[in-house]
Amino acid sequence: VSVTDMITKETYQRTHAANLKPDNVDIHRHPVHVG
């Protein structure tokens, strides 16, 4: 696995995590649900 492949994969995962899990943003907005 090349460094470029690793960076591409990481960027891909981060992008999809941001797109598919908006609830992560809600957790930061509403800390009541945390813990």
PDB file of N, CA and C in Angstrom:
ATOM      1  N   VAL A   1       0.855  -1.202   0.000  1.00  0.00           N
ATOM      2  CA  VAL A   1       0.000   0.000   0.000  1.00  0.00           C
ATOM      3  C   VAL A   1       0.885   1.244   0.000  1.00  0.00           C
ATOM      4  N   SER A   2       0.676   2.098  -0.973  1.00  0.00           N
ATOM      5  CA  SER A   2       1.488   3.309  -1.066  1.00  0.00           C
ATOM      6  C   SER A   2       0.934   4.399  -0.161  1.00  0.00           C
ATOM      7  N   VAL A   3       1.747   5.405   0.071  1.00  0.00           N
ATOM      8  CA  VAL A   3       1.314   6.515   0.927  1.00  0.00           C
ATOM      9  C   VAL A   3       0.109   7.214   0.312  1.00  0.00           C
ATOM     10  N   THR A   4       0.134   7.344  -1.011  1.00  0.00           N
ATOM     11  CA  THR A   4      -0.976   8.001  -1.706  1.00  0.00           C
ATOM     12  C   THR A   4      -2.273   7.237  -1.496  1.00  0.00           C
ATOM     13  N   ASP A   5      -2.192   5.909  -1.549  1.00  0.00           N
ATOM     14  CA  ASP A   5      -3.375   5.080  -1.331  1.00  0.00           C
ATOM     15  C   ASP A   5      -3.924   5.281   0.075  1.00  0.00           C
ATOM     16  N   MET A   6      -3.031   5.385   1.040  1.00  0.00           N
ATOM     17  CA  MET A   6      -3.445   5.565   2.429  1.00  0.00           C
ATOM     18  C   MET A   6      -4.143   6.906   2.609  1.00  0.00           C
ATOM     19  N   ILE A   7      -3.576   7.945   2.008  1.00  0.00           N
ATOM     20  CA  ILE A   7      -4.158   9.281   2.126  1.00  0.00           C
ATOM     21  C   ILE A   7      -5.518   9.325   1.440  1.00  0.00           C
ATOM     22  N   THR A   8      -5.601   8.702   0.260  1.00  0.00           N
ATOM     23  CA  THR A   8      -6.863   8.678  -0.477  1.00  0.00           C
ATOM     24  C   THR A   8      -7.935   7.953   0.319  1.00  0.00           C
ATOM     25  N   LYS A   9      -7.564   6.831   0.921  1.00  0.00           N
ATOM     26  CA  LYS A   9      -8.516   6.048   1.699  1.00  0.00           C
ATOM     27  C   LYS A   9      -8.980   6.830   2.921  1.00  0.00           C
ATOM     28  N   GLU A  10      -8.041   7.489   3.595  1.00  0.00           N
ATOM     29  CA  GLU A  10      -8.381   8.249   4.792  1.00  0.00           C
ATOM     30  C   GLU A  10      -9.308   9.409   4.449  1.00  0.00           C
ATOM     31  N   THR A  11      -9.001  10.094   3.354  1.00  0.00           N
ATOM     32  CA  THR A  11      -9.834  11.207   2.911  1.00  0.00           C
ATOM     33  C   THR A  11     -11.222  10.706   2.542  1.00  0.00           C
ATOM     34  N   TYR A  12     -11.272   9.546   1.868  1.00  0.00           N
ATOM     35  CA  TYR A  12     -12.537   8.940   1.463  1.00  0.00           C
ATOM     36  C   TYR A  12     -13.387   8.619   2.683  1.00  0.00           C
ATOM     37  N   GLN A  13     -12.767   8.016   3.697  1.00  0.00           N
ATOM     38  CA  GLN A  13     -13.497   7.632   4.903  1.00  0.00           C
ATOM     39  C   GLN A  13     -13.989   8.866   5.654  1.00  0.00           C
ATOM     40  N   ARG A  14     -13.147   9.894   5.734  1.00  0.00           N
ATOM     41  CA  ARG A  14     -13.539  11.123   6.435  1.00  0.00           C
ATOM     42  C   ARG A  14     -14.710  11.794   5.741  1.00  0.00           C
ATOM     43  N   THR A  15     -14.659  11.816   4.396  1.00  0.00           N
ATOM     44  CA  THR A  15     -15.725  12.455   3.628  1.00  0.00           C
ATOM     45  C   THR A  15     -17.047  11.730   3.844  1.00  0.00           C
ATOM     46  N   HIS A  16     -17.009  10.401   3.799  1.00  0.00           N
ATOM     47  CA  HIS A  16     -18.227   9.626   3.977  1.00  0.00           C
ATOM     48  C   HIS A  16     -18.703   9.661   5.420  1.00  0.00           C
ATOM     49  N   ALA A  17     -17.787   9.754   6.354  1.00  0.00           N
ATOM     50  CA  ALA A  17     -18.172   9.857   7.758  1.00  0.00           C
ATOM     51  C   ALA A  17     -18.921  11.164   7.979  1.00  0.00           C
ATOM     52  N   ALA A  18     -18.465  12.227   7.328  1.00  0.00           N
ATOM     53  CA  ALA A  18     -19.109  13.526   7.462  1.00  0.00           C
ATOM     54  C   ALA A  18     -20.479  13.514   6.782  1.00  0.00           C
ATOM     55  N   ASN A  19     -20.573  12.816   5.651  1.00  0.00           N
ATOM     56  CA  ASN A  19     -21.819  12.788   4.892  1.00  0.00           C
ATOM     57  C   ASN A  19     -22.846  11.833   5.480  1.00  0.00           C
ATOM     58  N   LEU A  20     -22.394  10.706   6.010  1.00  0.00           N
ATOM     59  CA  LEU A  20     -23.313   9.665   6.447  1.00  0.00           C
ATOM     60  C   LEU A  20     -23.640   9.742   7.935  1.00  0.00           C
ATOM     61  N   LYS A  21     -22.853  10.515   8.706  1.00  0.00           N
ATOM     62  CA  LYS A  21     -23.092  10.567  10.140  1.00  0.00           C
ATOM     63  C   LYS A  21     -23.226  12.004  10.644  1.00  0.00           C
ATOM     64  N   PRO A  22     -24.268  12.691  10.233  1.00  0.00           N
ATOM     65  CA  PRO A  22     -24.502  14.061  10.711  1.00  0.00           C
ATOM     66  C   PRO A  22     -24.816  14.088  12.198  1.00  0.00           C
ATOM     67  N   ASP A  23     -25.141  12.912  12.776  1.00  0.00           N
ATOM     68  CA  ASP A  23     -25.438  12.829  14.204  1.00  0.00           C
ATOM     69  C   ASP A  23     -24.198  13.162  15.029  1.00  0.00           C
ATOM     70  N   ASN A  24     -23.003  13.017  14.430  1.00  0.00           N
ATOM     71  CA  ASN A  24     -21.789  13.390  15.144  1.00  0.00           C
ATOM     72  C   ASN A  24     -21.772  14.891  15.415  1.00  0.00           C
ATOM     73  N   VAL A  25     -22.295  15.659  14.480  1.00  0.00           N
ATOM     74  CA  VAL A  25     -22.380  17.106  14.653  1.00  0.00           C
ATOM     75  C   VAL A  25     -23.415  17.420  15.731  1.00  0.00           C
ATOM     76  N   ASP A  26     -24.517  16.696  15.717  1.00  0.00           N
ATOM     77  CA  ASP A  26     -25.572  16.903  16.705  1.00  0.00           C
ATOM     78  C   ASP A  26     -25.068  16.633  18.114  1.00  0.00           C
ATOM     79  N   ILE A  27     -24.168  15.658  18.243  1.00  0.00           N
ATOM     80  CA  ILE A  27     -23.612  15.335  19.558  1.00  0.00           C
ATOM     81  C   ILE A  27     -22.856  16.536  20.111  1.00  0.00           C
ATOM     82  N   HIS A  28     -22.128  17.223  19.250  1.00  0.00           N
ATOM     83  CA  HIS A  28     -21.376  18.392  19.697  1.00  0.00           C
ATOM     84  C   HIS A  28     -22.316  19.557  19.979  1.00  0.00           C
ATOM     85  N   ARG A  29     -23.420  19.626  19.267  1.00  0.00           N
ATOM     86  CA  ARG A  29     -24.385  20.705  19.479  1.00  0.00           C
ATOM     87  C   ARG A  29     -25.225  20.450  20.726  1.00  0.00           C
ATOM     88  N   HIS A  30     -25.504  19.186  20.978  1.00  0.00           N
ATOM     89  CA  HIS A  30     -26.355  18.819  22.105  1.00  0.00           C
ATOM     90  C   HIS A  30     -25.623  17.849  23.026  1.00  0.00           C
ATOM     91  N   PRO A  31     -24.741  18.353  23.883  1.00  0.00           N
ATOM     92  CA  PRO A  31     -23.936  17.502  24.767  1.00  0.00           C
ATOM     93  C   PRO A  31     -24.775  16.740  25.787  1.00  0.00           C
ATOM     94  N   VAL A  32     -26.068  17.006  25.828  1.00  0.00           N
ATOM     95  CA  VAL A  32     -26.950  16.312  26.759  1.00  0.00           C
ATOM     96  C   VAL A  32     -26.948  14.815  26.461  1.00  0.00           C
ATOM     97  N   HIS A  33     -26.791  14.450  25.176  1.00  0.00           N
ATOM     98  CA  HIS A  33     -26.833  13.047  24.775  1.00  0.00           C
ATOM     99  C   HIS A  33     -25.520  12.321  25.065  1.00  0.00           C
ATOM    100  N   VAL A  34     -24.496  13.066  25.430  1.00  0.00           N
ATOM    101  CA  VAL A  34     -23.182  12.461  25.661  1.00  0.00           C
ATOM    102  C   VAL A  34     -23.087  11.915  27.073  1.00  0.00           C
ATOM    103  N   GLY A  35     -22.552  10.704  27.204  1.00  0.00           N
ATOM    104  CA  GLY A  35     -22.325  10.133  28.529  1.00  0.00           C
ATOM    105  C   GLY A  35     -23.569   9.527  29.106  1.00  0.00           C
TER     106      GLY A  35
END
